[in-house]
């Protein structure tokens, strides 16, 4: 991808994308161009939409949003864009050999998902394998997976007690985070130098444990107090975060330094790569 994360490269071809509604949207025309042998991707997309309707299918345009993307002349133009889920649906309608690997992958992903519904342990196992494949330690992965379970338990409890919108979930989460670390999640991401990445994937062991403590305590307060509706749940969130925040301050007092770290997994991985390359260079000199 480029420095601004505005392009991704697939099979040597550039695909434009833009960040919208907290997710990536990709240029449909660019994906069509990559997955077909058509000399005119715009015309292919037009005919694909018409053929889908004529065959009794759905209107593929309903999966798209008109978003501005840069063109070859440097100007921004309204372009058909789709998020990941919608793009996969569009790819399913492309009768091209190049699209077949994606269709087979989608079929496999769908089969895996059915298996996970029947046996939730498979989902957790695959999640662990994914984290490990990225270079995370076994110990960190166990904490991260446990943290996901605690988070799910908390959000389920909030949902049962009147939380309805994504904004309300975000506000309650921010209350816990600010009381625990002195920063909201968005402020914490900036502190770590992150952009679209998941904050918790870039926390160290102590940060993860404090996050779990704040959220588990909030769940306990909410249940014990039988809290209902957003204003009362917000008080629980603040109190739960305060417990974790007090623990953090106690640790810091005894350590003599802050446990709130600006380090992130991306930087740590790059550092490890540089050290490995340096070692390889020394061996080469020998």
C-alpha atoms as a PDB file:
ATOM      1  CA  UNK A   1       0.000   0.000   0.000  1.00  0.00           C
ATOM      2  CA  UNK A   2       1.138   3.601  -0.446  1.00  0.00           C
ATOM      3  CA  UNK A   3       2.177   5.992   2.333  1.00  0.00           C
ATOM      4  CA  UNK A   4      -1.360   7.294   2.729  1.00  0.00           C
ATOM      5  CA  UNK A   5      -2.933   3.807   2.703  1.00  0.00           C
ATOM      6  CA  UNK A   6      -4.962   4.926  -0.335  1.00  0.00           C
ATOM      7  CA  UNK A   7      -3.792   2.104  -2.595  1.00  0.00           C
ATOM      8  CA  UNK A   8      -3.404  -1.635  -2.253  1.00  0.00           C
ATOM      9  CA  UNK A   9      -1.533  -3.761  -4.751  1.00  0.00           C
ATOM     10  CA  UNK A  10      -2.981  -7.091  -5.841  1.00  0.00           C
ATOM     11  CA  UNK A  11      -1.241  -9.277  -8.428  1.00  0.00           C
ATOM     12  CA  UNK A  12       0.845  -6.281  -9.441  1.00  0.00           C
ATOM     13  CA  UNK A  13      -2.210  -4.088 -10.051  1.00  0.00           C
ATOM     14  CA  UNK A  14      -3.190  -1.042  -8.005  1.00  0.00           C
ATOM     15  CA  UNK A  15      -6.621  -0.876  -6.408  1.00  0.00           C
ATOM     16  CA  UNK A  16      -7.827   2.442  -5.041  1.00  0.00           C
ATOM     17  CA  UNK A  17      -9.543   2.569  -1.688  1.00  0.00           C
ATOM     18  CA  UNK A  18     -10.818   5.116   0.826  1.00  0.00           C
ATOM     19  CA  UNK A  19     -11.669   5.052   4.529  1.00  0.00           C
ATOM     20  CA  UNK A  20     -15.395   5.666   5.066  1.00  0.00           C
ATOM     21  CA  UNK A  21     -17.748   4.859   7.957  1.00  0.00           C
ATOM     22  CA  UNK A  22     -14.894   3.240   9.900  1.00  0.00           C
ATOM     23  CA  UNK A  23     -14.048   0.746   7.155  1.00  0.00           C
ATOM     24  CA  UNK A  24     -12.247   0.497   3.832  1.00  0.00           C
ATOM     25  CA  UNK A  25     -14.172   0.942   0.581  1.00  0.00           C
ATOM     26  CA  UNK A  26     -12.536  -0.289  -2.621  1.00  0.00           C
ATOM     27  CA  UNK A  27     -12.961   0.845  -6.213  1.00  0.00           C
ATOM     28  CA  UNK A  28     -15.240  -1.649  -7.971  1.00  0.00           C
ATOM     29  CA  UNK A  29     -13.838  -0.697 -11.366  1.00  0.00           C
ATOM     30  CA  UNK A  30     -10.288  -1.422 -10.216  1.00  0.00           C
ATOM     31  CA  UNK A  31     -11.246  -4.846  -8.848  1.00  0.00           C
ATOM     32  CA  UNK A  32     -13.155  -5.686 -12.047  1.00  0.00           C
ATOM     33  CA  UNK A  33     -10.117  -4.652 -14.096  1.00  0.00           C
ATOM     34  CA  UNK A  34      -7.831  -6.942 -12.081  1.00  0.00           C
ATOM     35  CA  UNK A  35     -10.161  -9.958 -12.108  1.00  0.00           C
ATOM     36  CA  UNK A  36     -11.167  -9.865 -15.776  1.00  0.00           C
ATOM     37  CA  UNK A  37      -9.447  -9.641 -19.127  1.00  0.00           C
ATOM     38  CA  UNK A  38     -11.695  -6.821 -20.261  1.00  0.00           C
ATOM     39  CA  UNK A  39     -10.021  -3.914 -22.061  1.00  0.00           C
ATOM     40  CA  UNK A  40     -12.715  -1.586 -20.682  1.00  0.00           C
ATOM     41  CA  UNK A  41     -13.439  -2.243 -17.005  1.00  0.00           C
ATOM     42  CA  UNK A  42     -16.148   0.448 -16.856  1.00  0.00           C
ATOM     43  CA  UNK A  43     -18.050  -1.124 -19.725  1.00  0.00           C
ATOM     44  CA  UNK A  44     -17.620  -4.606 -18.198  1.00  0.00           C
ATOM     45  CA  UNK A  45     -19.046  -3.349 -14.889  1.00  0.00           C
ATOM     46  CA  UNK A  46     -22.006  -1.762 -16.697  1.00  0.00           C
ATOM     47  CA  UNK A  47     -22.759  -4.983 -18.608  1.00  0.00           C
ATOM     48  CA  UNK A  48     -22.271  -7.113 -15.504  1.00  0.00           C
ATOM     49  CA  UNK A  49     -24.892  -5.110 -13.618  1.00  0.00           C
ATOM     50  CA  UNK A  50     -27.335  -5.318 -16.542  1.00  0.00           C
ATOM     51  CA  UNK A  51     -26.797  -9.063 -17.027  1.00  0.00           C
ATOM     52  CA  UNK A  52     -27.391  -9.704 -13.307  1.00  0.00           C
ATOM     53  CA  UNK A  53     -30.755  -7.912 -13.442  1.00  0.00           C
ATOM     54  CA  UNK A  54     -31.819  -9.568 -16.718  1.00  0.00           C
ATOM     55  CA  UNK A  55     -31.087 -13.006 -15.272  1.00  0.00           C
ATOM     56  CA  UNK A  56     -33.366 -12.297 -12.311  1.00  0.00           C
ATOM     57  CA  UNK A  57     -30.561 -11.461  -9.899  1.00  0.00           C
ATOM     58  CA  UNK A  58     -30.022  -8.463  -7.673  1.00  0.00           C
ATOM     59  CA  UNK A  59     -29.062  -4.914  -8.579  1.00  0.00           C
ATOM     60  CA  UNK A  60     -25.314  -4.927  -7.893  1.00  0.00           C
ATOM     61  CA  UNK A  61     -25.284  -1.149  -7.555  1.00  0.00           C
ATOM     62  CA  UNK A  62     -27.119  -1.548  -4.240  1.00  0.00           C
ATOM     63  CA  UNK A  63     -23.884  -2.953  -2.826  1.00  0.00           C
ATOM     64  CA  UNK A  64     -21.988   0.206  -3.755  1.00  0.00           C
ATOM     65  CA  UNK A  65     -21.463   3.697  -2.421  1.00  0.00           C
ATOM     66  CA  UNK A  66     -20.512   6.684  -4.559  1.00  0.00           C
ATOM     67  CA  UNK A  67     -17.282   7.960  -3.007  1.00  0.00           C
ATOM     68  CA  UNK A  68     -14.605  10.279  -4.339  1.00  0.00           C
ATOM     69  CA  UNK A  69     -11.369   8.650  -5.498  1.00  0.00           C
ATOM     70  CA  UNK A  70      -8.378  10.164  -7.323  1.00  0.00           C
ATOM     71  CA  UNK A  71      -8.201   9.647 -11.077  1.00  0.00           C
ATOM     72  CA  UNK A  72      -5.210   9.608 -13.430  1.00  0.00           C
ATOM     73  CA  UNK A  73      -5.631  13.350 -13.999  1.00  0.00           C
ATOM     74  CA  UNK A  74      -5.112  13.992 -10.285  1.00  0.00           C
ATOM     75  CA  UNK A  75      -8.703  15.065  -9.680  1.00  0.00           C
ATOM     76  CA  UNK A  76     -11.266  13.423  -7.379  1.00  0.00           C
ATOM     77  CA  UNK A  77     -14.333  11.815  -8.970  1.00  0.00           C
ATOM     78  CA  UNK A  78     -17.413  10.012  -7.621  1.00  0.00           C
ATOM     79  CA  UNK A  79     -16.709   6.299  -8.082  1.00  0.00           C
ATOM     80  CA  UNK A  80     -18.578   3.067  -7.348  1.00  0.00           C
ATOM     81  CA  UNK A  81     -17.003   1.699  -4.176  1.00  0.00           C
ATOM     82  CA  UNK A  82     -17.808  -1.307  -2.010  1.00  0.00           C
ATOM     83  CA  UNK A  83     -16.686  -2.486   1.406  1.00  0.00           C
ATOM     84  CA  UNK A  84     -15.103  -5.904   1.840  1.00  0.00           C
ATOM     85  CA  UNK A  85     -18.349  -7.815   2.360  1.00  0.00           C
ATOM     86  CA  UNK A  86     -20.105  -6.193  -0.596  1.00  0.00           C
ATOM     87  CA  UNK A  87     -17.033  -6.584  -2.804  1.00  0.00           C
ATOM     88  CA  UNK A  88     -17.050 -10.318  -2.182  1.00  0.00           C
ATOM     89  CA  UNK A  89     -20.693 -10.442  -3.258  1.00  0.00           C
ATOM     90  CA  UNK A  90     -19.865  -8.566  -6.459  1.00  0.00           C
ATOM     91  CA  UNK A  91     -16.953 -10.916  -7.188  1.00  0.00           C
ATOM     92  CA  UNK A  92     -19.344 -13.859  -6.992  1.00  0.00           C
ATOM     93  CA  UNK A  93     -21.141 -12.431 -10.049  1.00  0.00           C
ATOM     94  CA  UNK A  94     -17.985 -12.100 -12.164  1.00  0.00           C
ATOM     95  CA  UNK A  95     -17.788 -15.016 -14.678  1.00  0.00           C
ATOM     96  CA  UNK A  96     -14.016 -14.975 -14.979  1.00  0.00           C
ATOM     97  CA  UNK A  97     -11.314 -17.578 -14.370  1.00  0.00           C
ATOM     98  CA  UNK A  98      -9.357 -14.989 -12.429  1.00  0.00           C
ATOM     99  CA  UNK A  99     -12.264 -14.645 -10.013  1.00  0.00           C
ATOM    100  CA  UNK A 100     -12.530 -18.387  -9.385  1.00  0.00           C
ATOM    101  CA  UNK A 101      -9.854 -18.511  -6.621  1.00  0.00           C
ATOM    102  CA  UNK A 102     -11.816 -15.872  -4.708  1.00  0.00           C
ATOM    103  CA  UNK A 103     -15.059 -17.811  -5.136  1.00  0.00           C
ATOM    104  CA  UNK A 104     -13.430 -21.002  -3.872  1.00  0.00           C
ATOM    105  CA  UNK A 105     -11.963 -19.106  -0.936  1.00  0.00           C
ATOM    106  CA  UNK A 106     -15.395 -17.660  -0.112  1.00  0.00           C
ATOM    107  CA  UNK A 107     -16.916 -21.134  -0.243  1.00  0.00           C
ATOM    108  CA  UNK A 108     -14.218 -22.414   2.118  1.00  0.00           C
ATOM    109  CA  UNK A 109     -14.687 -19.424   4.446  1.00  0.00           C
ATOM    110  CA  UNK A 110     -18.436 -20.040   4.485  1.00  0.00           C
ATOM    111  CA  UNK A 111     -17.911 -23.714   5.295  1.00  0.00           C
ATOM    112  CA  UNK A 112     -15.486 -22.805   8.100  1.00  0.00           C
ATOM    113  CA  UNK A 113     -18.017 -20.363   9.508  1.00  0.00           C
ATOM    114  CA  UNK A 114     -20.749 -23.042   9.603  1.00  0.00           C
ATOM    115  CA  UNK A 115     -18.337 -25.319  11.435  1.00  0.00           C
ATOM    116  CA  UNK A 116     -17.551 -22.573  13.952  1.00  0.00           C
ATOM    117  CA  UNK A 117     -21.246 -22.017  14.647  1.00  0.00           C
ATOM    118  CA  UNK A 118     -21.658 -25.729  15.340  1.00  0.00           C
ATOM    119  CA  UNK A 119     -18.432 -25.870  17.367  1.00  0.00           C
ATOM    120  CA  UNK A 120     -17.360 -22.452  18.821  1.00  0.00           C
ATOM    121  CA  UNK A 121     -14.040 -23.931  19.973  1.00  0.00           C
ATOM    122  CA  UNK A 122     -12.947 -24.058  16.333  1.00  0.00           C
ATOM    123  CA  UNK A 123     -13.375 -20.279  16.032  1.00  0.00           C
ATOM    124  CA  UNK A 124     -11.168 -19.714  19.063  1.00  0.00           C
ATOM    125  CA  UNK A 125      -8.572 -22.152  17.742  1.00  0.00           C
ATOM    126  CA  UNK A 126      -8.442 -20.396  14.368  1.00  0.00           C
ATOM    127  CA  UNK A 127      -8.193 -17.023  16.076  1.00  0.00           C
ATOM    128  CA  UNK A 128      -5.187 -18.205  18.080  1.00  0.00           C
ATOM    129  CA  UNK A 129      -3.536 -19.592  14.964  1.00  0.00           C
ATOM    130  CA  UNK A 130      -4.046 -16.280  13.170  1.00  0.00           C
ATOM    131  CA  UNK A 131      -2.416 -14.275  15.962  1.00  0.00           C
ATOM    132  CA  UNK A 132       0.483 -16.713  16.192  1.00  0.00           C
ATOM    133  CA  UNK A 133       1.024 -16.554  12.433  1.00  0.00           C
ATOM    134  CA  UNK A 134       1.519 -12.797  12.835  1.00  0.00           C
ATOM    135  CA  UNK A 135       4.319 -13.371  15.339  1.00  0.00           C
ATOM    136  CA  UNK A 136       2.572 -12.948  18.692  1.00  0.00           C
ATOM    137  CA  UNK A 137       3.763 -15.113  21.596  1.00  0.00           C
ATOM    138  CA  UNK A 138       1.622 -17.923  23.020  1.00  0.00           C
ATOM    139  CA  UNK A 139       1.339 -16.078  26.341  1.00  0.00           C
ATOM    140  CA  UNK A 140       0.147 -12.872  24.684  1.00  0.00           C
ATOM    141  CA  UNK A 141      -2.352 -14.755  22.520  1.00  0.00           C
ATOM    142  CA  UNK A 142      -3.929 -16.412  25.558  1.00  0.00           C
ATOM    143  CA  UNK A 143      -4.439 -13.012  27.202  1.00  0.00           C
ATOM    144  CA  UNK A 144      -5.807 -11.478  24.006  1.00  0.00           C
ATOM    145  CA  UNK A 145      -8.326 -14.287  23.515  1.00  0.00           C
ATOM    146  CA  UNK A 146      -9.389 -14.076  27.147  1.00  0.00           C
ATOM    147  CA  UNK A 147      -9.795 -10.335  26.753  1.00  0.00           C
ATOM    148  CA  UNK A 148     -12.106 -10.849  23.770  1.00  0.00           C
ATOM    149  CA  UNK A 149     -14.310 -13.138  25.865  1.00  0.00           C
ATOM    150  CA  UNK A 150     -14.487 -10.588  28.692  1.00  0.00           C
ATOM    151  CA  UNK A 151     -15.279  -7.814  26.215  1.00  0.00           C
ATOM    152  CA  UNK A 152     -18.072  -9.875  24.629  1.00  0.00           C
ATOM    153  CA  UNK A 153     -19.545 -10.593  28.046  1.00  0.00           C
ATOM    154  CA  UNK A 154     -19.596  -6.880  28.846  1.00  0.00           C
ATOM    155  CA  UNK A 155     -21.140  -5.759  25.550  1.00  0.00           C
ATOM    156  CA  UNK A 156     -23.782  -8.485  25.822  1.00  0.00           C
ATOM    157  CA  UNK A 157     -24.652  -7.164  29.266  1.00  0.00           C
ATOM    158  CA  UNK A 158     -24.857  -3.605  27.952  1.00  0.00           C
ATOM    159  CA  UNK A 159     -27.142  -4.749  25.141  1.00  0.00           C
ATOM    160  CA  UNK A 160     -29.510  -6.441  27.579  1.00  0.00           C
ATOM    161  CA  UNK A 161     -29.686  -3.271  29.651  1.00  0.00           C
ATOM    162  CA  UNK A 162     -30.606  -0.686  27.048  1.00  0.00           C
ATOM    163  CA  UNK A 163     -27.498   0.183  25.013  1.00  0.00           C
ATOM    164  CA  UNK A 164     -28.570   0.374  21.371  1.00  0.00           C
ATOM    165  CA  UNK A 165     -26.243   2.463  19.217  1.00  0.00           C
ATOM    166  CA  UNK A 166     -22.582   2.078  18.273  1.00  0.00           C
ATOM    167  CA  UNK A 167     -22.018   5.569  19.642  1.00  0.00           C
ATOM    168  CA  UNK A 168     -23.259   4.543  23.086  1.00  0.00           C
ATOM    169  CA  UNK A 169     -20.994   1.478  23.109  1.00  0.00           C
ATOM    170  CA  UNK A 170     -18.074   3.709  22.104  1.00  0.00           C
ATOM    171  CA  UNK A 171     -18.805   6.243  24.870  1.00  0.00           C
ATOM    172  CA  UNK A 172     -19.009   3.543  27.545  1.00  0.00           C
ATOM    173  CA  UNK A 173     -15.782   1.969  26.298  1.00  0.00           C
ATOM    174  CA  UNK A 174     -14.099   5.374  26.352  1.00  0.00           C
ATOM    175  CA  UNK A 175     -15.209   5.872  29.974  1.00  0.00           C
ATOM    176  CA  UNK A 176     -13.471   2.661  31.036  1.00  0.00           C
ATOM    177  CA  UNK A 177     -10.342   3.411  29.021  1.00  0.00           C
ATOM    178  CA  UNK A 178      -9.973   6.987  30.252  1.00  0.00           C
ATOM    179  CA  UNK A 179     -10.396   5.931  33.878  1.00  0.00           C
ATOM    180  CA  UNK A 180      -7.945   3.035  33.404  1.00  0.00           C
ATOM    181  CA  UNK A 181      -5.205   4.643  31.314  1.00  0.00           C
ATOM    182  CA  UNK A 182      -5.971   8.357  31.378  1.00  0.00           C
ATOM    183  CA  UNK A 183      -6.773   8.236  27.654  1.00  0.00           C
ATOM    184  CA  UNK A 184      -9.743   7.366  25.477  1.00  0.00           C
ATOM    185  CA  UNK A 185      -9.162   4.620  22.865  1.00  0.00           C
ATOM    186  CA  UNK A 186      -8.727   7.203  20.080  1.00  0.00           C
ATOM    187  CA  UNK A 187      -6.200   9.150  22.161  1.00  0.00           C
ATOM    188  CA  UNK A 188      -4.432   5.916  23.058  1.00  0.00           C
ATOM    189  CA  UNK A 189      -4.160   4.954  19.374  1.00  0.00           C
ATOM    190  CA  UNK A 190      -2.567   8.310  18.575  1.00  0.00           C
ATOM    191  CA  UNK A 191      -0.184   7.839  21.515  1.00  0.00           C
ATOM    192  CA  UNK A 192       0.918   4.511  20.028  1.00  0.00           C
ATOM    193  CA  UNK A 193       1.148   5.922  16.508  1.00  0.00           C
ATOM    194  CA  UNK A 194      -1.697   3.768  15.192  1.00  0.00           C
ATOM    195  CA  UNK A 195      -4.256   4.670  12.539  1.00  0.00           C
ATOM    196  CA  UNK A 196      -6.790   2.036  11.443  1.00  0.00           C
ATOM    197  CA  UNK A 197      -5.273  -0.814  13.477  1.00  0.00           C
ATOM    198  CA  UNK A 198      -6.978  -2.471  16.434  1.00  0.00           C
ATOM    199  CA  UNK A 199      -5.624  -0.867  19.616  1.00  0.00           C
ATOM    200  CA  UNK A 200      -5.711  -4.055  21.674  1.00  0.00           C
ATOM    201  CA  UNK A 201      -3.600  -5.905  19.125  1.00  0.00           C
ATOM    202  CA  UNK A 202      -0.840  -3.445  20.034  1.00  0.00           C
ATOM    203  CA  UNK A 203      -1.026  -3.614  23.814  1.00  0.00           C
ATOM    204  CA  UNK A 204       1.538  -5.461  25.902  1.00  0.00           C
ATOM    205  CA  UNK A 205       0.664  -7.978  28.607  1.00  0.00           C
ATOM    206  CA  UNK A 206       0.109  -5.448  31.416  1.00  0.00           C
ATOM    207  CA  UNK A 207      -2.015  -3.190  29.214  1.00  0.00           C
ATOM    208  CA  UNK A 208      -4.183  -6.153  28.213  1.00  0.00           C
ATOM    209  CA  UNK A 209      -4.574  -7.279  31.823  1.00  0.00           C
ATOM    210  CA  UNK A 210      -5.590  -3.783  32.960  1.00  0.00           C
ATOM    211  CA  UNK A 211      -8.082  -3.580  30.097  1.00  0.00           C
ATOM    212  CA  UNK A 212      -9.590  -6.911  31.136  1.00  0.00           C
ATOM    213  CA  UNK A 213      -9.740  -5.794  34.767  1.00  0.00           C
ATOM    214  CA  UNK A 214     -11.596  -2.590  33.892  1.00  0.00           C
ATOM    215  CA  UNK A 215     -14.135  -4.373  31.709  1.00  0.00           C
ATOM    216  CA  UNK A 216     -14.655  -7.381  33.994  1.00  0.00           C
ATOM    217  CA  UNK A 217     -15.151  -5.071  36.986  1.00  0.00           C
ATOM    218  CA  UNK A 218     -17.623  -2.965  35.019  1.00  0.00           C
ATOM    219  CA  UNK A 219     -19.623  -6.100  34.201  1.00  0.00           C
ATOM    220  CA  UNK A 220     -19.659  -7.077  37.888  1.00  0.00           C
ATOM    221  CA  UNK A 221     -20.789  -3.600  38.995  1.00  0.00           C
ATOM    222  CA  UNK A 222     -23.553  -3.556  36.399  1.00  0.00           C
ATOM    223  CA  UNK A 223     -24.899  -6.939  37.454  1.00  0.00           C
ATOM    224  CA  UNK A 224     -24.628  -6.349  41.206  1.00  0.00           C
ATOM    225  CA  UNK A 225     -26.275  -2.944  40.930  1.00  0.00           C
ATOM    226  CA  UNK A 226     -28.798  -4.192  38.359  1.00  0.00           C
ATOM    227  CA  UNK A 227     -28.090  -1.041  36.359  1.00  0.00           C
ATOM    228  CA  UNK A 228     -30.276  -0.159  33.408  1.00  0.00           C
ATOM    229  CA  UNK A 229     -30.203   2.465  30.670  1.00  0.00           C
ATOM    230  CA  UNK A 230     -27.237   4.422  29.378  1.00  0.00           C
ATOM    231  CA  UNK A 231     -26.721   7.109  32.098  1.00  0.00           C
ATOM    232  CA  UNK A 232     -26.460   4.522  34.888  1.00  0.00           C
ATOM    233  CA  UNK A 233     -24.290   2.192  32.813  1.00  0.00           C
ATOM    234  CA  UNK A 234     -21.940   5.096  32.210  1.00  0.00           C
ATOM    235  CA  UNK A 235     -21.417   5.410  35.974  1.00  0.00           C
ATOM    236  CA  UNK A 236     -20.612   1.682  36.154  1.00  0.00           C
ATOM    237  CA  UNK A 237     -18.106   2.071  33.328  1.00  0.00           C
ATOM    238  CA  UNK A 238     -16.368   4.940  35.107  1.00  0.00           C
ATOM    239  CA  UNK A 239     -16.252   2.998  38.376  1.00  0.00           C
ATOM    240  CA  UNK A 240     -14.934  -0.141  36.684  1.00  0.00           C
ATOM    241  CA  UNK A 241     -12.248   1.885  34.970  1.00  0.00           C
ATOM    242  CA  UNK A 242     -11.336   3.569  38.262  1.00  0.00           C
ATOM    243  CA  UNK A 243     -10.595   0.166  39.817  1.00  0.00           C
ATOM    244  CA  UNK A 244      -8.243  -0.708  36.947  1.00  0.00           C
ATOM    245  CA  UNK A 245      -6.781   2.815  37.029  1.00  0.00           C
ATOM    246  CA  UNK A 246      -5.974   2.501  40.737  1.00  0.00           C
ATOM    247  CA  UNK A 247      -4.266  -0.820  40.047  1.00  0.00           C
ATOM    248  CA  UNK A 248      -2.239   0.781  37.254  1.00  0.00           C
ATOM    249  CA  UNK A 249      -1.107   3.636  39.503  1.00  0.00           C
ATOM    250  CA  UNK A 250      -0.131   1.186  42.244  1.00  0.00           C
ATOM    251  CA  UNK A 251       1.975  -0.817  39.766  1.00  0.00           C
ATOM    252  CA  UNK A 252       3.601   2.338  38.436  1.00  0.00           C
ATOM    253  CA  UNK A 253       4.410   3.586  41.935  1.00  0.00           C
ATOM    254  CA  UNK A 254       6.215   0.350  42.763  1.00  0.00           C
ATOM    255  CA  UNK A 255       7.911   0.121  39.354  1.00  0.00           C
ATOM    256  CA  UNK A 256       8.904   3.746  39.311  1.00  0.00           C
ATOM    257  CA  UNK A 257       7.737   4.206  35.731  1.00  0.00           C
ATOM    258  CA  UNK A 258       4.586   4.245  33.615  1.00  0.00           C
ATOM    259  CA  UNK A 259       3.113   1.030  32.280  1.00  0.00           C
ATOM    260  CA  UNK A 260       1.228   2.948  29.603  1.00  0.00           C
ATOM    261  CA  UNK A 261       3.482   2.332  26.638  1.00  0.00           C
ATOM    262  CA  UNK A 262       3.740   4.039  23.264  1.00  0.00           C
ATOM    263  CA  UNK A 263       5.171   0.803  21.864  1.00  0.00           C
ATOM    264  CA  UNK A 264       3.119  -1.068  19.310  1.00  0.00           C
ATOM    265  CA  UNK A 265       3.375  -4.482  17.710  1.00  0.00           C
ATOM    266  CA  UNK A 266       4.134  -3.086  14.255  1.00  0.00           C
ATOM    267  CA  UNK A 267       7.170  -1.186  15.517  1.00  0.00           C
ATOM    268  CA  UNK A 268       8.333  -4.172  17.566  1.00  0.00           C
ATOM    269  CA  UNK A 269       8.048  -6.444  14.526  1.00  0.00           C
ATOM    270  CA  UNK A 270      10.025  -4.040  12.366  1.00  0.00           C
ATOM    271  CA  UNK A 271      12.685  -3.800  15.069  1.00  0.00           C
ATOM    272  CA  UNK A 272      12.957  -7.592  15.185  1.00  0.00           C
ATOM    273  CA  UNK A 273      13.281  -7.701  11.389  1.00  0.00           C
ATOM    274  CA  UNK A 274      16.077  -5.110  11.437  1.00  0.00           C
ATOM    275  CA  UNK A 275      17.941  -7.011  14.146  1.00  0.00           C
ATOM    276  CA  UNK A 276      17.568 -10.249  12.190  1.00  0.00           C
ATOM    277  CA  UNK A 277      18.824  -8.593   9.010  1.00  0.00           C
ATOM    278  CA  UNK A 278      21.738  -7.125  10.940  1.00  0.00           C
ATOM    279  CA  UNK A 279      22.645 -10.550  12.315  1.00  0.00           C
ATOM    280  CA  UNK A 280      22.409 -12.064   8.832  1.00  0.00           C
ATOM    281  CA  UNK A 281      24.728  -9.328   7.585  1.00  0.00           C
ATOM    282  CA  UNK A 282      27.326 -10.141  10.244  1.00  0.00           C
ATOM    283  CA  UNK A 283      27.166 -13.838   9.378  1.00  0.00           C
ATOM    284  CA  UNK A 284      27.629 -12.923   5.725  1.00  0.00           C
ATOM    285  CA  UNK A 285      30.753 -10.926   6.602  1.00  0.00           C
ATOM    286  CA  UNK A 286      32.191 -13.977   8.328  1.00  0.00           C
END
